[in-house]
Amino acid sequence: MRRVRPRRRTLFLALLAVLLPVSSFPVAPLAAQDAAETQASADPVALAIRAKVGGKLKAFYRPRGYWPLWVSDGTIGPQAGRFLSLLESADLDGLDPRDYPVRSLRRLIDEARGGSPETLARAELALSEAFADYVRDVRRAPSVPITYLDPELEPGRIPVDGVLRIAALAPSFADYVERMGWMNPLYARLRTVLATYHDKWGDLPAAALPEKGKLKAGAKGPQVAMLRHRLGMPAGSLFDKAVTVRLKAFQTAHGLTADGVAAAQTIAMLNRSSDYYERLLTLNLDRARLLPGPWVRHVVVDAASARLWYFGNGSEQGTMKVVVGTPETQTPMLAGMVRYAILNPYWNVPSDLVQKRIAPKVLNGASLRSLRYEALSDWSANARTLDPATIDWHAVAAGAQEVRLRQLPGGANAMGRMKFMFPNDQGIYLHDTPDKALFGKYARHFSNGCVRLEDAPRLGKWFFGKSLVADAGTPEQQRPLPEPVPVYLTYLTAVPTDRGVAFLKDVYGRDAGQLRRYAGR
């Protein structure tokens, strides 16, 4: 029977997800290890493991009394089969399946079917060693660029015994392996999509269909013949029922509306090769690789789809729409720790908006007070308020002079009721907004780089475990989080959906330069 230490579960799973240095892993005191070791005498498989184990694996098995991870009731558990299938498809992770001893593992598992403690122990140790190698390889540092704001989030090489300790502390080791619990669910789902895509669409021929007009059931001619060729169908020139069915399947697999009509958007996707989409999925797998596993409490913001997810306790716990930066003011790829919230926040108005929107209103007779702004002497923490009458608003409107304005807290404040801070030099944070109409749009790239939240109070309740309520109208009320929470701002132009995957528009133009690295992979 496998023993679980619940109090360590969160710690070890967090360590896996963020790949902390080796020195961060706790080691049981020698007296405790000796006590655990004596328990091995009650189990013949544990005794056999004790006799055979050595090296780095011993650091995992000794503190747990040499109890097996893969063996239960005298047999290798079903998680071994799932694990071998992951090794055989390791090319999806950008790895070489030949680097892992799949054939040897299958032989050892077959030998262990007899149930002898010695053969079970050999299979147990071989599986654990291969598992640790594979997890460490998959959880390698991503090759895509991202800025880590906090040292504790920077990837490091996780130790072998750390991989196994974390796996052993999962509520169900079988589920942990089945769901790739050491990776973010977005990664695991994209990996499945990539495997399915390759099997169904990877060998289709390329074709260049005319981009004008559209093709639908009943159409005939050379363009239909090209469409049939692109979809891998028998030669012909008629858009019949079989073409409709095949085209709908293509549309579903590429995140399009499955209407069976080859219109502009469908034709544009047909005119890209299957290899292009496989490379795009691989690129986005690398982007998802940097995200923590679901046992770490964390937030993911995807600037491409303008959506946010939050995770914890082994699963996705919520999602919402967000508004992110425009192509000119992009939301960057960052990873940082959300450390506090600010209730009743001010909004520091960008200089170009002061020039274009506010100065003309003042020149037309509006007062800063009526507009709910105040002017400050500078951008320091100790700035003093200015009398608006002392400001040359003509110079501000002409762009010849800058003035710092901040919007006062209130219902119309651009920050809404709260913002969540992960300190960085780019002035990026998550915040509420009074402009809820933008969340009804499909494309939501309207901000100056910050992330506007569809439901900031809900996220605040998740952060703090209770609803956030401001004390009267006092501005800038700071509330520290009970524990800092990692937030990852990423950019996924291929996202898993209930139907498979959606390939999104590369709004920020980041894909083209990065896709070249995946040619021929």
Protein backbone atom coordinates (compact mmCIF):
# COMPACT_ATOMS: atom_id res chain seq x y z
CA MET A 1 0.00 0.00 0.00
CA ARG A 2 1.43 3.36 -1.06
CA ARG A 3 1.76 5.91 1.74
CA VAL A 4 0.91 9.56 1.04
CA ARG A 5 2.04 12.60 2.98
CA PRO A 6 -0.76 15.10 2.20
CA ARG A 7 0.96 18.10 3.79
CA ARG A 8 3.82 17.82 1.31
CA ARG A 9 1.65 17.36 -1.76
CA THR A 10 1.24 21.01 -2.69
CA LEU A 11 4.90 21.79 -2.06
CA PHE A 12 6.26 18.98 -4.21
CA LEU A 13 3.83 19.55 -7.07
CA ALA A 14 4.68 23.23 -7.03
CA LEU A 15 8.37 22.37 -7.21
CA LEU A 16 7.79 20.23 -10.27
CA ALA A 17 5.77 22.90 -12.03
CA VAL A 18 8.25 25.72 -11.64
CA LEU A 19 11.41 23.58 -11.74
CA LEU A 20 13.07 24.95 -8.64
CA PRO A 21 16.77 24.20 -8.02
CA VAL A 22 17.88 20.92 -6.50
CA SER A 23 18.60 22.55 -3.15
CA SER A 24 14.93 23.49 -2.80
CA PHE A 25 13.80 19.87 -2.37
CA PRO A 26 13.40 18.83 1.27
CA VAL A 27 15.20 15.70 2.39
CA ALA A 28 13.85 13.54 5.19
CA PRO A 29 16.03 13.41 8.33
CA LEU A 30 18.23 10.33 8.59
CA ALA A 31 16.32 9.03 11.62
CA ALA A 32 13.04 9.23 9.67
CA GLN A 33 14.65 7.50 6.68
CA ASP A 34 15.91 4.70 8.93
CA ALA A 35 12.46 4.26 10.45
CA ALA A 36 10.85 4.08 7.01
CA GLU A 37 13.48 1.65 5.82
CA THR A 38 12.65 -0.85 8.55
CA GLN A 39 9.05 -1.01 7.24
CA ALA A 40 10.28 -2.61 4.03
CA SER A 41 10.63 -5.95 5.80
CA ALA A 42 6.83 -6.36 5.69
CA ASP A 43 6.62 -6.34 1.88
CA PRO A 44 8.54 -8.74 -0.38
CA VAL A 45 8.56 -6.35 -3.36
CA ALA A 46 9.89 -3.54 -1.13
CA LEU A 47 12.58 -5.91 0.11
CA ALA A 48 13.54 -6.72 -3.47
CA ILE A 49 13.63 -3.02 -4.36
CA ARG A 50 15.83 -2.36 -1.33
CA ALA A 51 18.26 -5.02 -2.49
CA LYS A 52 18.45 -3.71 -6.07
CA VAL A 53 18.08 0.08 -5.87
CA GLY A 54 21.04 2.41 -6.00
CA GLY A 55 22.20 5.81 -7.16
CA LYS A 56 19.70 8.63 -7.53
CA LEU A 57 16.68 6.34 -7.26
CA LYS A 58 17.64 5.38 -3.72
CA ALA A 59 17.09 8.97 -2.60
CA PHE A 60 13.43 8.49 -3.56
CA TYR A 61 12.81 4.94 -2.39
CA ARG A 62 14.62 4.93 0.94
CA PRO A 63 12.51 7.63 2.70
CA ARG A 64 9.30 5.80 1.64
CA GLY A 65 10.43 2.44 2.99
CA TYR A 66 11.12 1.17 -0.55
CA TRP A 67 7.40 0.89 -1.23
CA PRO A 68 6.81 0.59 -5.00
CA LEU A 69 5.30 3.31 -7.16
CA TRP A 70 4.27 1.19 -10.16
CA VAL A 71 3.43 -2.10 -8.45
CA SER A 72 0.16 -2.68 -6.62
CA ASP A 73 -1.24 -5.98 -5.36
CA GLY A 74 1.56 -7.90 -6.96
CA THR A 75 1.18 -6.52 -10.48
CA ILE A 76 2.36 -3.58 -12.60
CA GLY A 77 -0.40 -0.95 -12.73
CA PRO A 78 -2.13 0.27 -15.92
CA GLN A 79 -0.20 3.55 -15.76
CA ALA A 80 2.81 1.70 -17.16
CA GLY A 81 1.01 1.14 -20.48
CA ARG A 82 0.07 4.80 -20.73
CA PHE A 83 3.64 5.78 -19.91
CA LEU A 84 5.05 3.57 -22.65
CA SER A 85 2.68 5.15 -25.17
CA LEU A 86 4.02 8.57 -24.13
CA LEU A 87 7.59 7.37 -24.71
CA GLU A 88 6.71 5.93 -28.11
CA SER A 89 5.23 9.30 -29.15
CA ALA A 90 7.97 11.44 -27.56
CA ASP A 91 8.59 13.04 -30.95
CA LEU A 92 5.46 15.10 -30.23
CA ASP A 93 7.41 16.62 -27.33
CA GLY A 94 10.36 17.43 -29.59
CA LEU A 95 12.25 14.40 -28.26
CA ASP A 96 13.60 11.24 -29.88
CA PRO A 97 11.67 8.10 -28.82
CA ARG A 98 14.84 6.09 -29.48
CA ASP A 99 16.41 7.75 -26.44
CA TYR A 100 14.08 5.78 -24.16
CA PRO A 101 14.25 1.99 -23.53
CA VAL A 102 10.71 1.14 -24.60
CA ARG A 103 11.48 -2.40 -25.80
CA SER A 104 13.44 -3.18 -22.65
CA LEU A 105 10.63 -1.84 -20.48
CA ARG A 106 8.05 -3.98 -22.29
CA ARG A 107 10.20 -7.06 -21.76
CA LEU A 108 10.60 -6.32 -18.05
CA ILE A 109 6.86 -5.75 -17.67
CA ASP A 110 6.15 -9.06 -19.41
CA GLU A 111 8.61 -10.86 -17.14
CA ALA A 112 6.97 -9.30 -14.09
CA ARG A 113 3.58 -10.79 -14.98
CA GLY A 114 4.67 -13.89 -13.10
CA GLY A 115 4.50 -11.89 -9.92
CA SER A 116 7.90 -12.71 -8.41
CA PRO A 117 9.25 -9.91 -6.17
CA GLU A 118 12.57 -9.85 -8.06
CA THR A 119 11.03 -9.35 -11.53
CA LEU A 120 8.54 -6.82 -10.17
CA ALA A 121 11.38 -4.88 -8.53
CA ARG A 122 13.41 -4.83 -11.76
CA ALA A 123 10.42 -3.51 -13.73
CA GLU A 124 9.61 -1.00 -10.99
CA LEU A 125 13.07 0.52 -10.94
CA ALA A 126 13.41 0.61 -14.73
CA LEU A 127 10.04 2.34 -15.08
CA SER A 128 10.92 4.92 -12.43
CA GLU A 129 14.27 5.70 -14.02
CA ALA A 130 12.74 6.12 -17.49
CA PHE A 131 9.84 8.15 -16.07
CA ALA A 132 12.17 10.58 -14.32
CA ASP A 133 14.26 10.98 -17.49
CA TYR A 134 11.19 11.63 -19.64
CA VAL A 135 9.57 14.14 -17.26
CA ARG A 136 12.84 16.01 -16.88
CA ASP A 137 13.20 16.15 -20.66
CA VAL A 138 9.63 17.29 -21.32
CA ARG A 139 9.88 19.90 -18.57
CA ARG A 140 13.05 21.35 -20.11
CA ALA A 141 13.33 25.10 -20.46
CA PRO A 142 11.28 26.35 -23.45
CA SER A 143 13.04 27.72 -26.50
CA VAL A 144 10.53 30.55 -26.95
CA PRO A 145 11.40 33.94 -25.42
CA ILE A 146 9.76 34.98 -22.15
CA THR A 147 10.80 37.38 -19.40
CA TYR A 148 10.88 35.94 -15.87
CA LEU A 149 10.26 38.71 -13.36
CA ASP A 150 10.99 36.57 -10.29
CA PRO A 151 13.96 34.21 -9.85
CA GLU A 152 11.80 31.46 -8.35
CA LEU A 153 9.94 31.10 -11.67
CA GLU A 154 13.02 30.57 -13.83
CA PRO A 155 13.25 26.97 -15.08
CA GLY A 156 15.91 24.71 -13.63
CA ARG A 157 16.77 21.03 -13.96
CA ILE A 158 14.55 19.07 -11.57
CA PRO A 159 16.28 16.21 -9.68
CA VAL A 160 15.36 12.60 -10.35
CA ASP A 161 14.09 11.94 -6.83
CA GLY A 162 12.06 15.18 -6.98
CA VAL A 163 10.19 13.99 -10.10
CA LEU A 164 9.29 10.72 -8.37
CA ARG A 165 8.36 12.26 -5.02
CA ILE A 166 5.91 14.60 -6.66
CA ALA A 167 4.39 11.80 -8.73
CA ALA A 168 4.01 9.62 -5.63
CA LEU A 169 2.14 12.38 -3.80
CA ALA A 170 -0.52 12.79 -6.49
CA PRO A 171 -3.91 11.51 -5.24
CA SER A 172 -3.89 8.94 -8.07
CA PHE A 173 -0.62 8.08 -9.76
CA ALA A 174 -2.52 6.42 -12.62
CA ASP A 175 -4.48 9.63 -13.29
CA TYR A 176 -1.31 11.66 -12.94
CA VAL A 177 0.34 9.69 -15.74
CA GLU A 178 -2.82 9.52 -17.86
CA ARG A 179 -3.24 13.32 -17.80
CA MET A 180 0.45 14.22 -17.92
CA GLY A 181 -0.01 15.90 -14.55
CA TRP A 182 3.51 17.36 -14.62
CA MET A 183 2.44 19.57 -17.54
CA ASN A 184 -0.21 22.25 -17.90
CA PRO A 185 -3.53 20.91 -19.28
CA LEU A 186 -3.15 23.25 -22.27
CA TYR A 187 0.09 21.44 -23.15
CA ALA A 188 -1.43 17.99 -22.71
CA ARG A 189 -4.43 18.84 -24.89
CA LEU A 190 -2.30 20.45 -27.61
CA ARG A 191 -0.09 17.36 -27.63
CA THR A 192 -3.16 15.18 -28.24
CA VAL A 193 -4.28 17.54 -31.01
CA LEU A 194 -0.87 17.34 -32.68
CA ALA A 195 -0.95 13.53 -32.66
CA THR A 196 -4.47 13.47 -34.07
CA TYR A 197 -3.69 16.13 -36.66
CA HIS A 198 -0.69 14.23 -37.98
CA ASP A 199 -2.68 11.01 -38.30
CA LYS A 200 -5.65 12.59 -40.08
CA TRP A 201 -4.20 15.47 -42.08
CA GLY A 202 -0.42 15.18 -42.10
CA ASP A 203 -0.05 13.45 -45.48
CA LEU A 204 -2.47 15.56 -47.54
CA PRO A 205 -1.09 17.10 -50.75
CA ALA A 206 -0.66 20.83 -51.09
CA ALA A 207 -2.75 22.91 -53.48
CA ALA A 208 -3.35 26.57 -54.30
CA LEU A 209 -7.05 27.29 -54.62
CA PRO A 210 -8.24 30.61 -56.06
CA GLU A 211 -9.08 32.90 -53.16
CA LYS A 212 -11.99 34.64 -54.87
CA GLY A 213 -15.50 33.23 -54.72
CA LYS A 214 -16.63 30.18 -52.81
CA LEU A 215 -17.35 26.54 -53.48
CA LYS A 216 -20.30 24.61 -52.09
CA ALA A 217 -22.37 21.48 -52.72
CA GLY A 218 -23.36 21.06 -56.36
CA ALA A 219 -20.46 23.04 -57.80
CA LYS A 220 -18.43 21.58 -60.67
CA GLY A 221 -15.22 22.38 -62.48
CA PRO A 222 -11.43 22.56 -62.12
CA GLN A 223 -11.54 24.42 -58.79
CA VAL A 224 -13.58 21.60 -57.29
CA ALA A 225 -11.04 19.15 -58.68
CA MET A 226 -8.29 21.09 -56.90
CA LEU A 227 -10.33 21.08 -53.69
CA ARG A 228 -10.79 17.30 -53.88
CA HIS A 229 -7.05 16.89 -54.43
CA ARG A 230 -6.20 19.09 -51.43
CA LEU A 231 -8.56 17.08 -49.22
CA GLY A 232 -6.96 13.80 -50.29
CA MET A 233 -10.05 12.57 -52.12
CA PRO A 234 -10.40 10.58 -55.38
CA ALA A 235 -10.09 12.60 -58.58
CA GLY A 236 -13.23 14.27 -59.86
CA SER A 237 -14.79 17.64 -60.54
CA LEU A 238 -18.09 17.43 -58.63
CA PHE A 239 -18.69 18.94 -55.17
CA ASP A 240 -20.78 16.00 -53.93
CA LYS A 241 -21.86 14.84 -50.47
CA ALA A 242 -18.51 13.15 -49.82
CA VAL A 243 -16.70 16.47 -50.39
CA THR A 244 -19.09 18.22 -47.99
CA VAL A 245 -18.41 15.64 -45.28
CA ARG A 246 -14.65 15.80 -45.79
CA LEU A 247 -14.59 19.60 -45.88
CA LYS A 248 -16.62 19.81 -42.67
CA ALA A 249 -14.10 17.51 -41.01
CA PHE A 250 -11.26 19.78 -42.19
CA GLN A 251 -13.06 22.86 -40.89
CA THR A 252 -13.67 21.26 -37.51
CA ALA A 253 -10.03 20.18 -37.21
CA HIS A 254 -8.88 23.74 -37.93
CA GLY A 255 -11.26 25.60 -35.63
CA LEU A 256 -13.54 26.88 -38.39
CA THR A 257 -17.33 26.86 -38.57
CA ALA A 258 -18.16 23.47 -40.08
CA ASP A 259 -20.62 24.63 -42.76
CA GLY A 260 -19.19 22.58 -45.63
CA VAL A 261 -18.64 25.70 -47.74
CA ALA A 262 -15.20 26.65 -49.05
CA ALA A 263 -15.34 30.42 -48.56
CA ALA A 264 -12.48 32.90 -48.07
CA GLN A 265 -11.36 31.85 -44.58
CA THR A 266 -11.54 28.12 -45.33
CA ILE A 267 -9.69 28.56 -48.63
CA ALA A 268 -6.97 30.57 -46.88
CA MET A 269 -6.41 27.67 -44.47
CA LEU A 270 -6.54 25.09 -47.26
CA ASN A 271 -3.82 27.02 -49.09
CA ARG A 272 -1.39 26.44 -46.24
CA SER A 273 0.26 23.04 -46.16
CA SER A 274 -0.39 20.44 -43.48
CA ASP A 275 3.26 20.80 -42.53
CA TYR A 276 2.64 24.45 -41.70
CA TYR A 277 -0.07 23.56 -39.18
CA GLU A 278 2.02 20.80 -37.63
CA ARG A 279 4.87 23.28 -37.15
CA LEU A 280 2.44 25.82 -35.72
CA LEU A 281 1.15 23.26 -33.22
CA THR A 282 4.73 22.38 -32.28
CA LEU A 283 5.59 26.05 -31.75
CA ASN A 284 2.59 26.49 -29.49
CA LEU A 285 3.48 23.33 -27.59
CA ASP A 286 6.79 24.99 -26.78
CA ARG A 287 4.96 28.09 -25.63
CA ALA A 288 2.72 25.94 -23.42
CA ARG A 289 5.75 24.03 -22.10
CA LEU A 290 6.72 26.95 -19.86
CA LEU A 291 3.38 26.85 -18.02
CA PRO A 292 3.12 25.12 -14.62
CA GLY A 293 1.20 21.92 -14.00
CA PRO A 294 -2.35 22.16 -12.63
CA TRP A 295 -1.33 21.35 -9.05
CA VAL A 296 0.33 24.75 -8.85
CA ARG A 297 -2.04 27.60 -8.15
CA HIS A 298 -1.44 29.95 -11.06
CA VAL A 299 -3.00 32.17 -13.73
CA VAL A 300 -2.45 31.97 -17.49
CA VAL A 301 -3.28 34.87 -19.81
CA ASP A 302 -3.21 34.12 -23.53
CA ALA A 303 -2.85 37.31 -25.54
CA ALA A 304 -3.67 35.63 -28.87
CA SER A 305 -7.12 34.37 -27.86
CA ALA A 306 -7.63 37.13 -25.26
CA ARG A 307 -8.58 34.62 -22.58
CA LEU A 308 -7.50 33.87 -19.02
CA TRP A 309 -7.48 30.59 -17.09
CA TYR A 310 -6.70 29.90 -13.45
CA PHE A 311 -5.55 26.53 -12.13
CA GLY A 312 -5.14 24.79 -8.80
CA ASN A 313 -5.71 21.49 -6.98
CA GLY A 314 -4.95 19.53 -10.12
CA SER A 315 -7.43 21.10 -12.55
CA GLU A 316 -8.64 24.22 -14.32
CA GLN A 317 -10.71 26.18 -11.79
CA GLY A 318 -12.05 28.95 -13.98
CA THR A 319 -11.71 30.97 -17.15
CA MET A 320 -12.81 34.36 -18.45
CA LYS A 321 -12.41 36.70 -21.39
CA VAL A 322 -9.83 39.47 -21.24
CA VAL A 323 -8.90 42.52 -23.29
CA VAL A 324 -5.20 42.68 -24.18
CA GLY A 325 -2.82 44.96 -26.06
CA THR A 326 -3.19 46.21 -29.60
CA PRO A 327 -0.65 45.19 -32.28
CA GLU A 328 1.06 48.54 -31.60
CA THR A 329 1.01 48.16 -27.80
CA GLN A 330 1.43 44.41 -27.41
CA THR A 331 0.94 42.47 -24.20
CA PRO A 332 4.41 40.97 -23.64
CA MET A 333 5.31 37.41 -22.69
CA LEU A 334 6.03 37.64 -18.96
CA ALA A 335 6.01 35.41 -15.91
CA GLY A 336 5.76 37.02 -12.49
CA MET A 337 4.29 36.68 -9.02
CA VAL A 338 1.02 38.48 -8.22
CA ARG A 339 1.77 39.82 -4.75
CA TYR A 340 -0.98 42.29 -3.92
CA ALA A 341 -4.19 43.93 -5.07
CA ILE A 342 -5.07 47.61 -5.12
CA LEU A 343 -8.68 48.61 -4.48
CA ASN A 344 -10.07 51.97 -5.61
CA PRO A 345 -7.05 52.50 -7.89
CA TYR A 346 -5.97 55.62 -9.69
CA TRP A 347 -5.30 55.44 -13.41
CA ASN A 348 -2.17 57.15 -14.72
CA VAL A 349 -3.21 58.47 -18.12
CA PRO A 350 -0.74 57.86 -20.99
CA SER A 351 0.74 61.08 -22.36
CA ASP A 352 -0.69 60.61 -25.85
CA LEU A 353 -4.22 60.34 -24.43
CA VAL A 354 -3.68 63.46 -22.35
CA GLN A 355 -2.67 65.28 -25.52
CA LYS A 356 -5.39 63.92 -27.83
CA ARG A 357 -8.40 63.49 -25.56
CA ILE A 358 -8.16 65.47 -22.35
CA ALA A 359 -6.32 68.69 -23.27
CA PRO A 360 -8.85 69.55 -26.02
CA LYS A 361 -11.71 69.14 -23.52
CA VAL A 362 -9.99 71.45 -21.05
CA LEU A 363 -9.42 74.02 -23.81
CA ASN A 364 -13.15 73.79 -24.60
CA GLY A 365 -14.03 74.77 -21.04
CA ALA A 366 -14.19 71.48 -19.10
CA SER A 367 -12.48 71.39 -15.70
CA LEU A 368 -10.18 68.58 -14.57
CA ARG A 369 -12.36 68.17 -11.48
CA SER A 370 -15.50 67.60 -13.56
CA LEU A 371 -13.59 65.12 -15.72
CA ARG A 372 -12.40 63.31 -12.55
CA TYR A 373 -8.67 63.89 -13.15
CA GLU A 374 -5.93 65.60 -11.21
CA ALA A 375 -2.55 66.89 -12.40
CA LEU A 376 0.72 65.95 -10.70
CA SER A 377 4.15 67.53 -10.74
CA ASP A 378 6.03 64.40 -11.87
CA TRP A 379 5.95 60.57 -11.95
CA SER A 380 7.58 60.02 -8.57
CA ALA A 381 5.86 58.48 -5.56
CA ASN A 382 6.03 61.88 -3.81
CA ALA A 383 4.56 63.96 -6.63
CA ARG A 384 2.53 67.01 -5.57
CA THR A 385 -0.77 68.05 -7.10
CA LEU A 386 -0.79 71.00 -9.51
CA ASP A 387 -3.28 73.78 -10.02
CA PRO A 388 -4.69 73.14 -13.54
CA ALA A 389 -4.65 76.91 -14.16
CA THR A 390 -0.84 76.85 -14.08
CA ILE A 391 -0.63 74.37 -16.97
CA ASP A 392 -0.16 75.53 -20.59
CA TRP A 393 -2.92 73.39 -22.09
CA HIS A 394 -2.27 74.74 -25.60
CA ALA A 395 1.28 73.37 -25.36
CA VAL A 396 -0.04 70.05 -24.02
CA ALA A 397 -2.56 69.77 -26.88
CA ALA A 398 0.18 70.55 -29.40
CA GLY A 399 2.47 67.88 -27.95
CA ALA A 400 5.07 70.45 -26.97
CA GLN A 401 4.64 69.83 -23.24
CA GLU A 402 3.75 66.80 -21.14
CA VAL A 403 1.82 66.73 -17.92
CA ARG A 404 1.09 63.84 -15.61
CA LEU A 405 -2.62 63.24 -15.12
CA ARG A 406 -4.28 60.55 -13.11
CA GLN A 407 -7.92 59.59 -13.10
CA LEU A 408 -9.56 59.55 -9.69
CA PRO A 409 -11.19 56.35 -8.38
CA GLY A 410 -14.83 55.89 -9.21
CA GLY A 411 -17.28 54.11 -11.47
CA ALA A 412 -15.77 55.53 -14.67
CA ASN A 413 -12.12 54.90 -13.73
CA ALA A 414 -10.37 52.91 -16.46
CA MET A 415 -8.94 50.53 -13.82
CA GLY A 416 -12.41 49.76 -12.47
CA ARG A 417 -12.60 48.71 -8.83
CA MET A 418 -9.35 46.78 -8.48
CA LYS A 419 -6.09 45.76 -10.06
CA PHE A 420 -3.69 42.89 -9.35
CA MET A 421 0.00 43.68 -9.30
CA PHE A 422 3.04 41.64 -10.31
CA PRO A 423 5.76 44.31 -10.21
CA ASN A 424 7.52 44.89 -13.54
CA ASP A 425 9.21 47.71 -15.43
CA GLN A 426 6.67 47.65 -18.28
CA GLY A 427 3.70 48.72 -16.15
CA ILE A 428 1.70 45.58 -16.98
CA TYR A 429 -0.94 44.27 -14.58
CA LEU A 430 -4.40 42.68 -14.45
CA HIS A 431 -7.27 45.07 -13.78
CA ASP A 432 -11.00 45.62 -13.72
CA THR A 433 -12.66 47.83 -16.34
CA PRO A 434 -15.96 49.72 -16.68
CA ASP A 435 -16.00 49.12 -20.46
CA LYS A 436 -17.76 45.75 -20.47
CA ALA A 437 -18.98 46.05 -24.07
CA LEU A 438 -15.55 45.06 -25.40
CA PHE A 439 -15.96 41.56 -23.98
CA GLY A 440 -18.76 40.94 -26.45
CA LYS A 441 -16.33 41.20 -29.36
CA TYR A 442 -14.60 38.17 -30.87
CA ALA A 443 -11.22 39.92 -31.19
CA ARG A 444 -10.31 41.80 -28.01
CA HIS A 445 -7.01 43.59 -28.64
CA PHE A 446 -7.70 47.14 -27.49
CA SER A 447 -5.53 47.90 -24.45
CA ASN A 448 -2.16 49.60 -24.04
CA GLY A 449 -0.63 46.26 -22.99
CA CYS A 450 -2.34 45.66 -19.65
CA VAL A 451 -4.92 42.91 -19.19
CA ARG A 452 -8.52 44.00 -18.61
CA LEU A 453 -10.60 41.38 -16.80
CA GLU A 454 -14.14 40.35 -17.66
CA ASP A 455 -14.85 39.52 -14.02
CA ALA A 456 -12.19 41.01 -11.73
CA PRO A 457 -14.17 40.39 -8.50
CA ARG A 458 -14.35 36.65 -9.31
CA LEU A 459 -10.61 36.47 -9.87
CA GLY A 460 -10.07 38.49 -6.70
CA LYS A 461 -12.16 36.03 -4.72
CA TRP A 462 -10.08 33.17 -6.13
CA PHE A 463 -6.83 34.98 -5.23
CA PHE A 464 -7.88 35.82 -1.67
CA GLY A 465 -10.41 33.12 -0.84
CA LYS A 466 -13.01 35.80 -0.12
CA SER A 467 -14.66 38.76 -1.80
CA LEU A 468 -12.60 41.94 -1.93
CA VAL A 469 -14.39 44.94 -0.42
CA ALA A 470 -12.84 48.41 -0.30
CA ASP A 471 -12.91 50.52 2.85
CA ALA A 472 -15.13 53.45 1.92
CA GLY A 473 -13.73 55.61 -0.88
CA THR A 474 -10.08 55.82 0.13
CA PRO A 475 -7.88 55.62 -3.00
CA GLU A 476 -5.20 53.01 -3.60
CA GLN A 477 -5.98 50.52 -0.82
CA GLN A 478 -3.28 47.85 -0.96
CA ARG A 479 -4.12 44.26 0.02
CA PRO A 480 -1.27 41.70 0.10
CA LEU A 481 -2.09 38.18 -1.09
CA PRO A 482 -1.87 35.46 1.57
CA GLU A 483 0.64 33.77 -0.76
CA PRO A 484 2.03 35.13 -4.06
CA VAL A 485 0.48 33.50 -7.14
CA PRO A 486 2.38 33.03 -10.45
CA VAL A 487 0.86 34.62 -13.53
CA TYR A 488 2.02 33.72 -17.03
CA LEU A 489 1.34 36.00 -19.99
CA THR A 490 1.73 33.83 -23.07
CA TYR A 491 0.76 33.83 -26.76
CA LEU A 492 -1.00 30.74 -28.12
CA THR A 493 -2.06 30.94 -31.77
CA ALA A 494 -3.28 27.35 -31.59
CA VAL A 495 -5.56 26.64 -28.64
CA PRO A 496 -7.41 23.43 -27.72
CA THR A 497 -11.19 23.54 -27.97
CA ASP A 498 -14.02 21.11 -27.28
CA ARG A 499 -13.89 20.16 -30.98
CA GLY A 500 -10.12 19.89 -31.23
CA VAL A 501 -8.12 23.03 -31.94
CA ALA A 502 -8.59 26.60 -33.12
CA PHE A 503 -5.85 28.21 -35.21
CA LEU A 504 -5.95 31.90 -34.38
CA LYS A 505 -4.84 35.00 -36.23
CA ASP A 506 -1.24 35.94 -35.46
CA VAL A 507 -2.27 39.41 -34.29
CA TYR A 508 1.20 40.34 -33.02
CA GLY A 509 3.10 38.83 -35.98
CA ARG A 510 5.26 36.61 -33.77
CA ASP A 511 4.76 33.26 -35.49
CA ALA A 512 6.60 33.74 -38.78
CA GLY A 513 10.01 34.40 -37.26
CA GLN A 514 9.73 31.52 -34.80
CA LEU A 515 8.26 28.87 -37.13
CA ARG A 516 11.48 28.53 -39.10
CA ARG A 517 13.05 26.71 -36.15
CA TYR A 518 10.60 23.85 -36.56
CA ALA A 519 11.14 23.12 -40.25
CA GLY A 520 11.81 19.43 -40.83
CA ARG A 521 11.17 18.54 -37.21
